[in-house]
Amino acid sequence: MTDPSPLLVEIASLLPPGRALDLACGTGRHALHLARLGWKVTAVDIELDAIRQLRAAAEPNLAIDARVVDLEKHEFAIEPNAYDLICDFHYLQRDLFPQIREGVRPGGAVAAAIHLTGRFALESGELRTLFAGWKILYYSESPTPRPTARLIARKA
């Protein structure tokens, strides 16, 4: 899959370019999309090969800081109030959610799509509750092809 998620495309159209964090970025489809729109992107993933592919795909003028990190070992700390957008697509690490919430600047947003079945899955409605007190711009839970919760939330 090389096209960015429609969820990411939507939120990127609503915010002016700023700093973005792409968690568990894989080969960087979201990081590349944001950087091409003028965002300064930090993209992190545990897979060295994925980060190499992202770096190879990035044009020289794109502002992407791609790093190999193990989020589960806390090798990357999300700075408080550092990002205008944090993306979390199909990666679940529950202890990161407080950092994600604190890492978004006021007026910034989170875009997330996380599975509702399988080993790394949220409970139905859980993603919405993780951002209680935020303005929920979009929320859905779709049953197919794989049950997934999708969210765009803006920090007040």
Protein backbone atom coordinates (compact mmCIF):
# COMPACT_ATOMS: atom_id res chain seq x y z
CA MET A 1 0.00 0.00 0.00
CA THR A 2 1.55 3.31 -1.04
CA ASP A 3 -1.34 5.77 -0.94
CA PRO A 4 -1.90 7.61 2.33
CA SER A 5 -4.99 6.85 4.37
CA PRO A 6 -7.99 9.03 3.44
CA LEU A 7 -8.11 9.91 7.14
CA LEU A 8 -4.63 11.43 6.96
CA VAL A 9 -5.41 13.20 3.70
CA GLU A 10 -8.48 14.76 5.35
CA ILE A 11 -6.74 16.08 8.46
CA ALA A 12 -3.76 17.32 6.46
CA SER A 13 -6.19 19.40 4.37
CA LEU A 14 -7.59 21.02 7.54
CA LEU A 15 -4.31 22.03 9.18
CA PRO A 16 -1.53 24.32 7.99
CA PRO A 17 1.78 22.47 7.63
CA GLY A 18 3.77 22.24 10.83
CA ARG A 19 5.57 19.48 12.73
CA ALA A 20 4.24 15.94 12.43
CA LEU A 21 5.11 12.63 14.04
CA ASP A 22 4.39 9.37 12.22
CA LEU A 23 4.50 6.49 14.72
CA ALA A 24 5.37 3.01 13.43
CA CYS A 25 5.64 4.58 9.99
CA GLY A 26 6.61 1.50 8.01
CA THR A 27 7.91 2.54 4.60
CA GLY A 28 6.53 6.03 5.13
CA ARG A 29 3.43 6.51 3.00
CA HIS A 30 2.04 9.02 5.51
CA ALA A 31 5.37 10.72 6.22
CA LEU A 32 6.00 11.19 2.50
CA HIS A 33 2.51 12.60 1.90
CA LEU A 34 2.86 15.10 4.73
CA ALA A 35 6.38 16.16 3.75
CA ARG A 36 5.24 16.77 0.16
CA LEU A 37 2.63 19.14 1.60
CA GLY A 38 5.33 21.08 3.45
CA TRP A 39 5.24 19.39 6.86
CA LYS A 40 8.42 18.73 8.88
CA VAL A 41 8.01 15.05 9.71
CA THR A 42 9.63 12.79 12.26
CA ALA A 43 8.97 9.18 11.23
CA VAL A 44 9.84 6.29 13.53
CA ASP A 45 9.73 2.52 13.05
CA ILE A 46 11.50 -0.53 14.48
CA GLU A 47 12.28 -1.99 11.03
CA LEU A 48 15.61 -0.85 9.60
CA ASP A 49 14.60 -1.99 6.10
CA ALA A 50 11.39 0.07 6.23
CA ILE A 51 13.31 3.19 7.28
CA ARG A 52 15.84 2.59 4.50
CA GLN A 53 12.97 2.38 1.98
CA LEU A 54 11.49 5.62 3.34
CA ARG A 55 14.83 7.41 3.10
CA ALA A 56 15.32 6.13 -0.46
CA ALA A 57 11.83 7.29 -1.49
CA ALA A 58 12.16 10.76 0.00
CA GLU A 59 13.15 13.48 -2.41
CA PRO A 60 16.14 15.54 -1.14
CA ASN A 61 14.02 18.64 -0.48
CA LEU A 62 11.58 16.83 1.86
CA ALA A 63 11.84 17.48 5.58
CA ILE A 64 11.74 13.93 6.97
CA ASP A 65 13.73 12.79 9.98
CA ALA A 66 13.40 8.99 9.68
CA ARG A 67 14.63 7.02 12.67
CA VAL A 68 14.93 3.35 13.63
CA VAL A 69 13.57 3.07 17.17
CA ASP A 70 11.89 0.46 19.31
CA LEU A 71 8.86 2.23 20.76
CA GLU A 72 8.16 -0.65 23.14
CA LYS A 73 11.62 -0.19 24.67
CA HIS A 74 10.92 3.56 24.95
CA GLU A 75 13.82 4.46 22.65
CA PHE A 76 11.87 7.51 21.48
CA ALA A 77 10.22 10.03 23.78
CA ILE A 78 7.42 12.16 22.41
CA GLU A 79 8.20 15.71 23.46
CA PRO A 80 5.33 17.59 25.15
CA ASN A 81 3.62 20.22 22.96
CA ALA A 82 6.00 19.49 20.09
CA TYR A 83 3.72 18.39 17.23
CA ASP A 84 0.86 19.82 15.24
CA LEU A 85 -0.13 16.34 14.09
CA ILE A 86 0.59 12.84 15.40
CA CYS A 87 -0.32 9.85 13.23
CA ASP A 88 -0.86 6.36 14.58
CA PHE A 89 -1.97 3.92 11.92
CA HIS A 90 -2.34 0.26 12.84
CA TYR A 91 0.04 0.38 15.79
CA LEU A 92 -1.14 -0.18 19.34
CA GLN A 93 0.95 0.51 22.39
CA ARG A 94 -1.38 1.63 25.15
CA ASP A 95 1.31 3.24 27.31
CA LEU A 96 2.08 5.68 24.46
CA PHE A 97 -1.33 7.35 24.54
CA PRO A 98 -0.52 9.75 27.41
CA GLN A 99 2.62 10.84 25.51
CA ILE A 100 0.63 11.19 22.28
CA ARG A 101 -1.95 13.41 24.00
CA GLU A 102 0.75 15.54 25.64
CA GLY A 103 2.83 15.69 22.45
CA VAL A 104 0.17 17.52 20.45
CA ARG A 105 0.21 21.30 20.63
CA PRO A 106 -3.05 23.14 21.39
CA GLY A 107 -5.01 23.30 18.12
CA GLY A 108 -3.13 20.28 16.77
CA ALA A 109 -4.57 16.88 16.00
CA VAL A 110 -4.23 13.13 16.14
CA ALA A 111 -5.14 10.84 13.27
CA ALA A 112 -5.41 7.16 14.18
CA ALA A 113 -6.69 3.88 12.80
CA ILE A 114 -6.30 0.90 15.10
CA HIS A 115 -7.64 -2.64 14.80
CA LEU A 116 -10.44 -3.92 17.02
CA THR A 117 -9.56 -7.60 16.66
CA GLY A 118 -6.37 -9.61 16.98
CA ARG A 119 -3.49 -9.65 19.40
CA PHE A 120 -2.98 -5.88 19.34
CA ALA A 121 -6.52 -4.57 19.42
CA LEU A 122 -8.57 -1.90 21.10
CA GLU A 123 -11.98 -2.52 22.61
CA SER A 124 -14.96 -1.04 20.80
CA GLY A 125 -15.22 2.64 21.79
CA GLU A 126 -11.81 2.67 23.50
CA LEU A 127 -10.08 4.95 20.99
CA ARG A 128 -12.75 7.62 21.46
CA THR A 129 -12.40 7.47 25.26
CA LEU A 130 -8.62 7.84 25.00
CA PHE A 131 -9.26 11.33 23.61
CA ALA A 132 -12.05 12.39 25.95
CA GLY A 133 -12.03 16.17 26.27
CA TRP A 134 -10.73 16.64 22.73
CA LYS A 135 -12.89 17.75 19.82
CA ILE A 136 -13.66 14.57 17.88
CA LEU A 137 -13.76 15.61 14.23
CA TYR A 138 -14.31 12.08 12.96
CA TYR A 139 -14.87 8.69 14.54
CA SER A 140 -15.94 5.39 13.09
CA GLU A 141 -15.69 1.69 13.71
CA SER A 142 -15.89 -0.36 10.55
CA PRO A 143 -16.41 -4.12 10.53
CA THR A 144 -14.72 -4.89 7.20
CA PRO A 145 -12.28 -5.81 5.83
CA ARG A 146 -10.87 -5.98 9.37
CA PRO A 147 -12.64 -4.30 12.29
CA THR A 148 -10.91 -0.97 12.82
CA ALA A 149 -11.52 2.18 14.86
CA ARG A 150 -10.68 5.43 13.04
CA LEU A 151 -10.34 8.81 14.66
CA ILE A 152 -9.42 12.39 13.97
CA ALA A 153 -9.30 14.42 17.19
CA ARG A 154 -8.23 18.01 17.77
CA LYS A 155 -6.69 19.29 20.99
CA ALA A 156 -8.42 22.36 22.41
